[in-house]
Amino acid sequence: MVGHPYSPAELQLPGFVPQRLSPVEAFAPFFGASLLVILAVWLISGRCGGGKFSKNYRLAMCWWAFTGVTHIVFEGYFLFTPDFVSKGNPNNIDELCELSGAP
C-alpha cells in the first residue's frame, strides 16, 4: 500500500487512493474557471449598471460570485459523492476536495 499523508504514518487506511495530481494541476482549472466567472460578473455589472454601480459594489458582486462558485463546486460535489476518498479512480474534483481538506 502506498503511504498516506496522514498521521500516524502506520495507520491503516483500507481503500485509500493516493492523489494523482499535484496541487497546482488540481487547482489550476478551478481557479481558471473562477477567474472567468469573476471577469464575467465585472464586465456585466459595468455594462448593465449603466455606470451607477460603484467599484466597491462591483468588487463585492465579484466576491459573492467567487464564493458561490466555490461552494457549488466543493460542497455540491461532496454532497453527491461522499465516498470520494476511497474511489479507485479519482477525478479532478475528487482530488480538489481531498487537497482542500473537505470532510
PDB file of N, CA and C in Angstrom:
ATOM      1  N   MET A   1       0.843  -1.182   0.000  1.00  0.00           N
ATOM      2  CA  MET A   1       0.000   0.000   0.000  1.00  0.00           C
ATOM      3  C   MET A   1       0.885   1.241   0.000  1.00  0.00           C
ATOM      4  N   VAL A   2       0.543   2.208  -0.829  1.00  0.00           N
ATOM      5  CA  VAL A   2       1.268   3.469  -0.878  1.00  0.00           C
ATOM      6  C   VAL A   2       0.965   4.238   0.396  1.00  0.00           C
ATOM      7  N   GLY A   3       1.978   4.896   0.937  1.00  0.00           N
ATOM      8  CA  GLY A   3       1.796   5.647   2.169  1.00  0.00           C
ATOM      9  C   GLY A   3       0.802   6.786   2.003  1.00  0.00           C
ATOM     10  N   HIS A   4       0.152   7.129   3.083  1.00  0.00           N
ATOM     11  CA  HIS A   4      -0.797   8.232   3.075  1.00  0.00           C
ATOM     12  C   HIS A   4      -0.170   9.432   3.778  1.00  0.00           C
ATOM     13  N   PRO A   5      -0.705  10.620   3.557  1.00  0.00           N
ATOM     14  CA  PRO A   5      -0.110  11.824   4.147  1.00  0.00           C
ATOM     15  C   PRO A   5      -0.585  12.116   5.569  1.00  0.00           C
ATOM     16  N   TYR A   6      -1.319  11.200   6.175  1.00  0.00           N
ATOM     17  CA  TYR A   6      -1.915  11.455   7.481  1.00  0.00           C
ATOM     18  C   TYR A   6      -1.054  10.902   8.600  1.00  0.00           C
ATOM     19  N   SER A   7      -1.297  11.402   9.781  1.00  0.00           N
ATOM     20  CA  SER A   7      -0.539  10.979  10.946  1.00  0.00           C
ATOM     21  C   SER A   7      -1.440  10.151  11.849  1.00  0.00           C
ATOM     22  N   PRO A   8      -0.969   9.099  12.411  1.00  0.00           N
ATOM     23  CA  PRO A   8       0.357   8.489  12.355  1.00  0.00           C
ATOM     24  C   PRO A   8       0.555   7.727  11.045  1.00  0.00           C
ATOM     25  N   ALA A   9       1.793   7.625  10.616  1.00  0.00           N
ATOM     26  CA  ALA A   9       2.121   7.008   9.332  1.00  0.00           C
ATOM     27  C   ALA A   9       1.766   5.530   9.286  1.00  0.00           C
ATOM     28  N   GLU A  10       1.787   4.844  10.424  1.00  0.00           N
ATOM     29  CA  GLU A  10       1.486   3.405  10.428  1.00  0.00           C
ATOM     30  C   GLU A  10      -0.017   3.112  10.449  1.00  0.00           C
ATOM     31  N   LEU A  11      -0.842   4.142  10.459  1.00  0.00           N
ATOM     32  CA  LEU A  11      -2.293   3.968  10.442  1.00  0.00           C
ATOM     33  C   LEU A  11      -2.719   3.282   9.150  1.00  0.00           C
ATOM     34  N   GLN A  12      -3.518   2.247   9.253  1.00  0.00           N
ATOM     35  CA  GLN A  12      -4.009   1.525   8.079  1.00  0.00           C
ATOM     36  C   GLN A  12      -5.300   2.182   7.590  1.00  0.00           C
ATOM     37  N   LEU A  13      -5.315   2.575   6.330  1.00  0.00           N
ATOM     38  CA  LEU A  13      -6.494   3.180   5.723  1.00  0.00           C
ATOM     39  C   LEU A  13      -6.915   2.330   4.532  1.00  0.00           C
ATOM     40  N   PRO A  14      -7.719   1.304   4.754  1.00  0.00           N
ATOM     41  CA  PRO A  14      -8.128   0.456   3.637  1.00  0.00           C
ATOM     42  C   PRO A  14      -8.945   1.256   2.625  1.00  0.00           C
ATOM     43  N   GLY A  15      -8.631   1.054   1.374  1.00  0.00           N
ATOM     44  CA  GLY A  15      -9.339   1.743   0.308  1.00  0.00           C
ATOM     45  C   GLY A  15      -8.812   3.134  -0.001  1.00  0.00           C
ATOM     46  N   PHE A  16      -7.770   3.580   0.715  1.00  0.00           N
ATOM     47  CA  PHE A  16      -7.202   4.903   0.449  1.00  0.00           C
ATOM     48  C   PHE A  16      -6.532   4.910  -0.915  1.00  0.00           C
ATOM     49  N   VAL A  17      -6.822   5.942  -1.712  1.00  0.00           N
ATOM     50  CA  VAL A  17      -6.229   6.090  -3.041  1.00  0.00           C
ATOM     51  C   VAL A  17      -5.377   7.359  -3.029  1.00  0.00           C
ATOM     52  N   PRO A  18      -4.072   7.246  -3.289  1.00  0.00           N
ATOM     53  CA  PRO A  18      -3.225   8.445  -3.283  1.00  0.00           C
ATOM     54  C   PRO A  18      -3.581   9.377  -4.442  1.00  0.00           C
ATOM     55  N   GLN A  19      -3.235  10.631  -4.288  1.00  0.00           N
ATOM     56  CA  GLN A  19      -3.537  11.622  -5.312  1.00  0.00           C
ATOM     57  C   GLN A  19      -2.679  11.399  -6.549  1.00  0.00           C
ATOM     58  N   ARG A  20      -3.281  11.632  -7.715  1.00  0.00           N
ATOM     59  CA  ARG A  20      -2.554  11.516  -8.975  1.00  0.00           C
ATOM     60  C   ARG A  20      -2.021  12.858  -9.433  1.00  0.00           C
ATOM     61  N   LEU A  21      -2.676  13.935  -9.022  1.00  0.00           N
ATOM     62  CA  LEU A  21      -2.317  15.270  -9.487  1.00  0.00           C
ATOM     63  C   LEU A  21      -1.615  16.061  -8.391  1.00  0.00           C
ATOM     64  N   SER A  22      -0.725  16.945  -8.815  1.00  0.00           N
ATOM     65  CA  SER A  22      -0.113  17.864  -7.853  1.00  0.00           C
ATOM     66  C   SER A  22      -1.159  18.924  -7.498  1.00  0.00           C
ATOM     67  N   PRO A  23      -0.952  19.661  -6.410  1.00  0.00           N
ATOM     68  CA  PRO A  23      -1.919  20.713  -6.074  1.00  0.00           C
ATOM     69  C   PRO A  23      -2.111  21.735  -7.195  1.00  0.00           C
ATOM     70  N   VAL A  24      -1.044  22.086  -7.888  1.00  0.00           N
ATOM     71  CA  VAL A  24      -1.161  23.053  -8.986  1.00  0.00           C
ATOM     72  C   VAL A  24      -2.024  22.480 -10.107  1.00  0.00           C
ATOM     73  N   GLU A  25      -1.794  21.227 -10.469  1.00  0.00           N
ATOM     74  CA  GLU A  25      -2.586  20.596 -11.531  1.00  0.00           C
ATOM     75  C   GLU A  25      -4.052  20.462 -11.131  1.00  0.00           C
ATOM     76  N   ALA A  26      -4.307  20.242  -9.862  1.00  0.00           N
ATOM     77  CA  ALA A  26      -5.681  20.063  -9.407  1.00  0.00           C
ATOM     78  C   ALA A  26      -6.433  21.389  -9.313  1.00  0.00           C
ATOM     79  N   PHE A  27      -5.771  22.438  -8.828  1.00  0.00           N
ATOM     80  CA  PHE A  27      -6.458  23.705  -8.606  1.00  0.00           C
ATOM     81  C   PHE A  27      -6.464  24.634  -9.815  1.00  0.00           C
ATOM     82  N   ALA A  28      -5.580  24.452 -10.781  1.00  0.00           N
ATOM     83  CA  ALA A  28      -5.495  25.355 -11.930  1.00  0.00           C
ATOM     84  C   ALA A  28      -6.814  25.461 -12.702  1.00  0.00           C
ATOM     85  N   PRO A  29      -7.488  24.357 -13.048  1.00  0.00           N
ATOM     86  CA  PRO A  29      -8.764  24.506 -13.765  1.00  0.00           C
ATOM     87  C   PRO A  29      -9.827  25.232 -12.934  1.00  0.00           C
ATOM     88  N   PHE A  30      -9.856  24.968 -11.636  1.00  0.00           N
ATOM     89  CA  PHE A  30     -10.834  25.629 -10.772  1.00  0.00           C
ATOM     90  C   PHE A  30     -10.587  27.132 -10.719  1.00  0.00           C
ATOM     91  N   PHE A  31      -9.329  27.533 -10.519  1.00  0.00           N
ATOM     92  CA  PHE A  31      -9.037  28.955 -10.448  1.00  0.00           C
ATOM     93  C   PHE A  31      -9.208  29.630 -11.809  1.00  0.00           C
ATOM     94  N   GLY A  32      -8.917  28.920 -12.886  1.00  0.00           N
ATOM     95  CA  GLY A  32      -9.159  29.471 -14.218  1.00  0.00           C
ATOM     96  C   GLY A  32     -10.637  29.729 -14.459  1.00  0.00           C
ATOM     97  N   ALA A  33     -11.478  28.766 -14.095  1.00  0.00           N
ATOM     98  CA  ALA A  33     -12.925  28.934 -14.251  1.00  0.00           C
ATOM     99  C   ALA A  33     -13.441  30.035 -13.328  1.00  0.00           C
ATOM    100  N   SER A  34     -12.895  30.106 -12.124  1.00  0.00           N
ATOM    101  CA  SER A  34     -13.306  31.160 -11.186  1.00  0.00           C
ATOM    102  C   SER A  34     -12.940  32.535 -11.730  1.00  0.00           C
ATOM    103  N   LEU A  35     -11.767  32.641 -12.332  1.00  0.00           N
ATOM    104  CA  LEU A  35     -11.347  33.910 -12.916  1.00  0.00           C
ATOM    105  C   LEU A  35     -12.290  34.327 -14.045  1.00  0.00           C
ATOM    106  N   LEU A  36     -12.731  33.360 -14.849  1.00  0.00           N
ATOM    107  CA  LEU A  36     -13.691  33.669 -15.913  1.00  0.00           C
ATOM    108  C   LEU A  36     -15.019  34.158 -15.342  1.00  0.00           C
ATOM    109  N   VAL A  37     -15.487  33.543 -14.263  1.00  0.00           N
ATOM    110  CA  VAL A  37     -16.740  33.973 -13.628  1.00  0.00           C
ATOM    111  C   VAL A  37     -16.590  35.386 -13.077  1.00  0.00           C
ATOM    112  N   ILE A  38     -15.475  35.656 -12.407  1.00  0.00           N
ATOM    113  CA  ILE A  38     -15.243  36.993 -11.847  1.00  0.00           C
ATOM    114  C   ILE A  38     -15.182  38.035 -12.961  1.00  0.00           C
ATOM    115  N   LEU A  39     -14.481  37.712 -14.040  1.00  0.00           N
ATOM    116  CA  LEU A  39     -14.383  38.629 -15.172  1.00  0.00           C
ATOM    117  C   LEU A  39     -15.759  38.882 -15.790  1.00  0.00           C
ATOM    118  N   ALA A  40     -16.556  37.828 -15.938  1.00  0.00           N
ATOM    119  CA  ALA A  40     -17.901  37.982 -16.499  1.00  0.00           C
ATOM    120  C   ALA A  40     -18.770  38.868 -15.612  1.00  0.00           C
ATOM    121  N   VAL A  41     -18.721  38.649 -14.301  1.00  0.00           N
ATOM    122  CA  VAL A  41     -19.517  39.472 -13.378  1.00  0.00           C
ATOM    123  C   VAL A  41     -19.058  40.925 -13.439  1.00  0.00           C
ATOM    124  N   TRP A  42     -17.755  41.144 -13.489  1.00  0.00           N
ATOM    125  CA  TRP A  42     -17.223  42.509 -13.553  1.00  0.00           C
ATOM    126  C   TRP A  42     -17.694  43.213 -14.830  1.00  0.00           C
ATOM    127  N   LEU A  43     -17.585  42.525 -15.962  1.00  0.00           N
ATOM    128  CA  LEU A  43     -17.981  43.138 -17.232  1.00  0.00           C
ATOM    129  C   LEU A  43     -19.488  43.358 -17.316  1.00  0.00           C
ATOM    130  N   ILE A  44     -20.265  42.377 -16.883  1.00  0.00           N
ATOM    131  CA  ILE A  44     -21.725  42.511 -16.937  1.00  0.00           C
ATOM    132  C   ILE A  44     -22.201  43.610 -15.991  1.00  0.00           C
ATOM    133  N   SER A  45     -21.616  43.691 -14.807  1.00  0.00           N
ATOM    134  CA  SER A  45     -22.038  44.738 -13.869  1.00  0.00           C
ATOM    135  C   SER A  45     -21.658  46.130 -14.379  1.00  0.00           C
ATOM    136  N   GLY A  46     -20.605  46.217 -15.170  1.00  0.00           N
ATOM    137  CA  GLY A  46     -20.227  47.503 -15.750  1.00  0.00           C
ATOM    138  C   GLY A  46     -21.151  47.923 -16.874  1.00  0.00           C
ATOM    139  N   ARG A  47     -21.592  46.966 -17.669  1.00  0.00           N
ATOM    140  CA  ARG A  47     -22.472  47.286 -18.797  1.00  0.00           C
ATOM    141  C   ARG A  47     -23.926  47.457 -18.372  1.00  0.00           C
ATOM    142  N   CYS A  48     -24.400  46.543 -17.537  1.00  0.00           N
ATOM    143  CA  CYS A  48     -25.816  46.567 -17.153  1.00  0.00           C
ATOM    144  C   CYS A  48     -26.116  47.631 -16.106  1.00  0.00           C
ATOM    145  N   GLY A  49     -25.137  48.010 -15.355  1.00  0.00           N
ATOM    146  CA  GLY A  49     -25.360  49.010 -14.316  1.00  0.00           C
ATOM    147  C   GLY A  49     -25.480  50.418 -14.863  1.00  0.00           C
ATOM    148  N   GLY A  50     -25.077  50.618 -16.094  1.00  0.00           N
ATOM    149  CA  GLY A  50     -25.154  51.949 -16.677  1.00  0.00           C
ATOM    150  C   GLY A  50     -24.251  52.958 -15.979  1.00  0.00           C
ATOM    151  N   GLY A  51     -23.214  52.472 -15.323  1.00  0.00           N
ATOM    152  CA  GLY A  51     -22.284  53.364 -14.650  1.00  0.00           C
ATOM    153  C   GLY A  51     -22.715  53.775 -13.257  1.00  0.00           C
ATOM    154  N   LYS A  52     -23.832  53.239 -12.776  1.00  0.00           N
ATOM    155  CA  LYS A  52     -24.294  53.655 -11.447  1.00  0.00           C
ATOM    156  C   LYS A  52     -23.778  52.771 -10.319  1.00  0.00           C
ATOM    157  N   PHE A  53     -23.134  51.630 -10.649  1.00  0.00           N
ATOM    158  CA  PHE A  53     -22.554  50.782  -9.606  1.00  0.00           C
ATOM    159  C   PHE A  53     -21.147  51.279  -9.289  1.00  0.00           C
ATOM    160  N   SER A  54     -20.861  51.443  -8.012  1.00  0.00           N
ATOM    161  CA  SER A  54     -19.512  51.867  -7.622  1.00  0.00           C
ATOM    162  C   SER A  54     -18.538  50.702  -7.796  1.00  0.00           C
ATOM    163  N   LYS A  55     -17.265  51.031  -7.782  1.00  0.00           N
ATOM    164  CA  LYS A  55     -16.234  50.000  -7.921  1.00  0.00           C
ATOM    165  C   LYS A  55     -16.304  49.015  -6.754  1.00  0.00           C
ATOM    166  N   ASN A  56     -16.549  49.530  -5.546  1.00  0.00           N
ATOM    167  CA  ASN A  56     -16.662  48.650  -4.380  1.00  0.00           C
ATOM    168  C   ASN A  56     -17.852  47.699  -4.511  1.00  0.00           C
ATOM    169  N   TYR A  57     -18.957  48.200  -5.032  1.00  0.00           N
ATOM    170  CA  TYR A  57     -20.140  47.356  -5.210  1.00  0.00           C
ATOM    171  C   TYR A  57     -19.860  46.258  -6.240  1.00  0.00           C
ATOM    172  N   ARG A  58     -19.183  46.621  -7.318  1.00  0.00           N
ATOM    173  CA  ARG A  58     -18.844  45.633  -8.346  1.00  0.00           C
ATOM    174  C   ARG A  58     -17.861  44.599  -7.809  1.00  0.00           C
ATOM    175  N   LEU A  59     -16.894  45.028  -6.989  1.00  0.00           N
ATOM    176  CA  LEU A  59     -15.968  44.080  -6.362  1.00  0.00           C
ATOM    177  C   LEU A  59     -16.711  43.139  -5.421  1.00  0.00           C
ATOM    178  N   ALA A  60     -17.689  43.651  -4.697  1.00  0.00           N
ATOM    179  CA  ALA A  60     -18.497  42.802  -3.809  1.00  0.00           C
ATOM    180  C   ALA A  60     -19.277  41.766  -4.620  1.00  0.00           C
ATOM    181  N   MET A  61     -19.817  42.176  -5.770  1.00  0.00           N
ATOM    182  CA  MET A  61     -20.518  41.214  -6.633  1.00  0.00           C
ATOM    183  C   MET A  61     -19.563  40.121  -7.107  1.00  0.00           C
ATOM    184  N   CYS A  62     -18.349  40.505  -7.472  1.00  0.00           N
ATOM    185  CA  CYS A  62     -17.354  39.514  -7.905  1.00  0.00           C
ATOM    186  C   CYS A  62     -17.016  38.558  -6.768  1.00  0.00           C
ATOM    187  N   TRP A  63     -16.874  39.081  -5.557  1.00  0.00           N
ATOM    188  CA  TRP A  63     -16.562  38.242  -4.405  1.00  0.00           C
ATOM    189  C   TRP A  63     -17.685  37.235  -4.158  1.00  0.00           C
ATOM    190  N   TRP A  64     -18.938  37.693  -4.208  1.00  0.00           N
ATOM    191  CA  TRP A  64     -20.063  36.779  -3.973  1.00  0.00           C
ATOM    192  C   TRP A  64     -20.158  35.734  -5.078  1.00  0.00           C
ATOM    193  N   ALA A  65     -19.844  36.119  -6.307  1.00  0.00           N
ATOM    194  CA  ALA A  65     -19.849  35.136  -7.396  1.00  0.00           C
ATOM    195  C   ALA A  65     -18.763  34.087  -7.168  1.00  0.00           C
ATOM    196  N   PHE A  66     -17.581  34.527  -6.742  1.00  0.00           N
ATOM    197  CA  PHE A  66     -16.486  33.591  -6.480  1.00  0.00           C
ATOM    198  C   PHE A  66     -16.840  32.636  -5.344  1.00  0.00           C
ATOM    199  N   THR A  67     -17.361  33.163  -4.242  1.00  0.00           N
ATOM    200  CA  THR A  67     -17.714  32.283  -3.124  1.00  0.00           C
ATOM    201  C   THR A  67     -18.849  31.349  -3.506  1.00  0.00           C
ATOM    202  N   GLY A  68     -19.783  31.825  -4.320  1.00  0.00           N
ATOM    203  CA  GLY A  68     -20.866  30.954  -4.781  1.00  0.00           C
ATOM    204  C   GLY A  68     -20.348  29.801  -5.623  1.00  0.00           C
ATOM    205  N   VAL A  69     -19.452  30.102  -6.562  1.00  0.00           N
ATOM    206  CA  VAL A  69     -18.869  29.048  -7.397  1.00  0.00           C
ATOM    207  C   VAL A  69     -18.085  28.063  -6.536  1.00  0.00           C
ATOM    208  N   THR A  70     -17.333  28.580  -5.576  1.00  0.00           N
ATOM    209  CA  THR A  70     -16.542  27.715  -4.698  1.00  0.00           C
ATOM    210  C   THR A  70     -17.444  26.762  -3.924  1.00  0.00           C
ATOM    211  N   HIS A  71     -18.498  27.274  -3.346  1.00  0.00           N
ATOM    212  CA  HIS A  71     -19.399  26.420  -2.565  1.00  0.00           C
ATOM    213  C   HIS A  71     -20.143  25.425  -3.445  1.00  0.00           C
ATOM    214  N   ILE A  72     -20.554  25.851  -4.621  1.00  0.00           N
ATOM    215  CA  ILE A  72     -21.263  24.930  -5.518  1.00  0.00           C
ATOM    216  C   ILE A  72     -20.344  23.790  -5.941  1.00  0.00           C
ATOM    217  N   VAL A  73     -19.106  24.118  -6.307  1.00  0.00           N
ATOM    218  CA  VAL A  73     -18.179  23.084  -6.777  1.00  0.00           C
ATOM    219  C   VAL A  73     -17.799  22.129  -5.652  1.00  0.00           C
ATOM    220  N   PHE A  74     -17.313  22.659  -4.536  1.00  0.00           N
ATOM    221  CA  PHE A  74     -16.819  21.789  -3.465  1.00  0.00           C
ATOM    222  C   PHE A  74     -17.940  21.129  -2.678  1.00  0.00           C
ATOM    223  N   GLU A  75     -18.853  21.917  -2.149  1.00  0.00           N
ATOM    224  CA  GLU A  75     -19.887  21.349  -1.291  1.00  0.00           C
ATOM    225  C   GLU A  75     -20.914  20.560  -2.095  1.00  0.00           C
ATOM    226  N   GLY A  76     -21.229  21.028  -3.285  1.00  0.00           N
ATOM    227  CA  GLY A  76     -22.173  20.288  -4.122  1.00  0.00           C
ATOM    228  C   GLY A  76     -21.628  18.933  -4.526  1.00  0.00           C
ATOM    229  N   TYR A  77     -20.362  18.897  -4.905  1.00  0.00           N
ATOM    230  CA  TYR A  77     -19.760  17.624  -5.287  1.00  0.00           C
ATOM    231  C   TYR A  77     -19.676  16.685  -4.089  1.00  0.00           C
ATOM    232  N   PHE A  78     -19.281  17.218  -2.934  1.00  0.00           N
ATOM    233  CA  PHE A  78     -19.167  16.381  -1.740  1.00  0.00           C
ATOM    234  C   PHE A  78     -20.530  15.849  -1.312  1.00  0.00           C
ATOM    235  N   LEU A  79     -21.569  16.632  -1.510  1.00  0.00           N
ATOM    236  CA  LEU A  79     -22.918  16.201  -1.150  1.00  0.00           C
ATOM    237  C   LEU A  79     -23.326  14.963  -1.941  1.00  0.00           C
ATOM    238  N   PHE A  80     -23.000  14.933  -3.222  1.00  0.00           N
ATOM    239  CA  PHE A  80     -23.417  13.820  -4.072  1.00  0.00           C
ATOM    240  C   PHE A  80     -22.387  12.700  -4.164  1.00  0.00           C
ATOM    241  N   THR A  81     -21.161  12.915  -3.684  1.00  0.00           N
ATOM    242  CA  THR A  81     -20.117  11.900  -3.733  1.00  0.00           C
ATOM    243  C   THR A  81     -19.368  11.859  -2.407  1.00  0.00           C
ATOM    244  N   PRO A  82     -19.995  11.387  -1.334  1.00  0.00           N
ATOM    245  CA  PRO A  82     -19.320  11.398  -0.036  1.00  0.00           C
ATOM    246  C   PRO A  82     -18.177  10.390   0.082  1.00  0.00           C
ATOM    247  N   ASP A  83     -18.069   9.439  -0.844  1.00  0.00           N
ATOM    248  CA  ASP A  83     -17.007   8.431  -0.772  1.00  0.00           C
ATOM    249  C   ASP A  83     -15.820   8.770  -1.673  1.00  0.00           C
ATOM    250  N   PHE A  84     -15.588  10.073  -1.931  1.00  0.00           N
ATOM    251  CA  PHE A  84     -14.547  10.461  -2.883  1.00  0.00           C
ATOM    252  C   PHE A  84     -13.153  10.022  -2.464  1.00  0.00           C
ATOM    253  N   VAL A  85     -12.886   9.856  -1.176  1.00  0.00           N
ATOM    254  CA  VAL A  85     -11.544   9.482  -0.724  1.00  0.00           C
ATOM    255  C   VAL A  85     -11.241   8.024  -1.039  1.00  0.00           C
ATOM    256  N   SER A  86     -12.240   7.177  -1.082  1.00  0.00           N
ATOM    257  CA  SER A  86     -11.990   5.749  -1.263  1.00  0.00           C
ATOM    258  C   SER A  86     -12.226   5.268  -2.686  1.00  0.00           C
ATOM    259  N   LYS A  87     -12.403   6.169  -3.644  1.00  0.00           N
ATOM    260  CA  LYS A  87     -12.618   5.749  -5.029  1.00  0.00           C
ATOM    261  C   LYS A  87     -11.338   5.167  -5.618  1.00  0.00           C
ATOM    262  N   GLY A  88     -11.492   4.156  -6.451  1.00  0.00           N
ATOM    263  CA  GLY A  88     -10.339   3.553  -7.106  1.00  0.00           C
ATOM    264  C   GLY A  88      -9.828   4.374  -8.267  1.00  0.00           C
ATOM    265  N   ASN A  89     -10.681   5.210  -8.848  1.00  0.00           N
ATOM    266  CA  ASN A  89     -10.301   6.012  -9.999  1.00  0.00           C
ATOM    267  C   ASN A  89     -10.763   7.451  -9.763  1.00  0.00           C
ATOM    268  N   PRO A  90     -10.035   8.212  -8.938  1.00  0.00           N
ATOM    269  CA  PRO A  90     -10.484   9.564  -8.616  1.00  0.00           C
ATOM    270  C   PRO A  90     -10.377  10.503  -9.813  1.00  0.00           C
ATOM    271  N   ASN A  91     -11.227  11.510  -9.839  1.00  0.00           N
ATOM    272  CA  ASN A  91     -11.142  12.515 -10.893  1.00  0.00           C
ATOM    273  C   ASN A  91     -10.648  13.833 -10.302  1.00  0.00           C
ATOM    274  N   ASN A  92     -10.640  14.873 -11.105  1.00  0.00           N
ATOM    275  CA  ASN A  92     -10.066  16.147 -10.691  1.00  0.00           C
ATOM    276  C   ASN A  92     -10.775  16.726  -9.473  1.00  0.00           C
ATOM    277  N   ILE A  93     -12.095  16.669  -9.436  1.00  0.00           N
ATOM    278  CA  ILE A  93     -12.814  17.247  -8.305  1.00  0.00           C
ATOM    279  C   ILE A  93     -12.590  16.414  -7.053  1.00  0.00           C
ATOM    280  N   ASP A  94     -12.428  15.099  -7.184  1.00  0.00           N
ATOM    281  CA  ASP A  94     -12.076  14.273  -6.024  1.00  0.00           C
ATOM    282  C   ASP A  94     -10.782  14.783  -5.399  1.00  0.00           C
ATOM    283  N   GLU A  95      -9.818  15.063  -6.240  1.00  0.00           N
ATOM    284  CA  GLU A  95      -8.523  15.495  -5.732  1.00  0.00           C
ATOM    285  C   GLU A  95      -8.589  16.907  -5.162  1.00  0.00           C
ATOM    286  N   LEU A  96      -9.423  17.772  -5.747  1.00  0.00           N
ATOM    287  CA  LEU A  96      -9.604  19.100  -5.177  1.00  0.00           C
ATOM    288  C   LEU A  96     -10.177  19.006  -3.772  1.00  0.00           C
ATOM    289  N   CYS A  97     -11.191  18.163  -3.602  1.00  0.00           N
ATOM    290  CA  CYS A  97     -11.803  18.001  -2.279  1.00  0.00           C
ATOM    291  C   CYS A  97     -10.801  17.417  -1.292  1.00  0.00           C
ATOM    292  N   GLU A  98      -9.995  16.471  -1.745  1.00  0.00           N
ATOM    293  CA  GLU A  98      -9.008  15.854  -0.863  1.00  0.00           C
ATOM    294  C   GLU A  98      -7.922  16.859  -0.478  1.00  0.00           C
ATOM    295  N   LEU A  99      -7.486  17.679  -1.441  1.00  0.00           N
ATOM    296  CA  LEU A  99      -6.448  18.666  -1.165  1.00  0.00           C
ATOM    297  C   LEU A  99      -6.946  19.789  -0.269  1.00  0.00           C
ATOM    298  N   SER A 100      -8.223  20.159  -0.430  1.00  0.00           N
ATOM    299  CA  SER A 100      -8.749  21.281   0.351  1.00  0.00           C
ATOM    300  C   SER A 100      -9.165  20.871   1.746  1.00  0.00           C
ATOM    301  N   GLY A 101      -9.151  19.581   2.027  1.00  0.00           N
ATOM    302  CA  GLY A 101      -9.500  19.119   3.367  1.00  0.00           C
ATOM    303  C   GLY A 101     -10.986  19.002   3.592  1.00  0.00           C
ATOM    304  N   ALA A 102     -11.746  18.814   2.514  1.00  0.00           N
ATOM    305  CA  ALA A 102     -13.195  18.637   2.675  1.00  0.00           C
ATOM    306  C   ALA A 102     -13.442  17.405   3.528  1.00  0.00           C
ATOM    307  N   PRO A 103     -14.419  17.475   4.418  1.00  0.00           N
ATOM    308  CA  PRO A 103     -14.651  16.349   5.338  1.00  0.00           C
ATOM    309  C   PRO A 103     -15.012  15.063   4.646  1.00  0.00           C
TER     310      PRO A 103
END
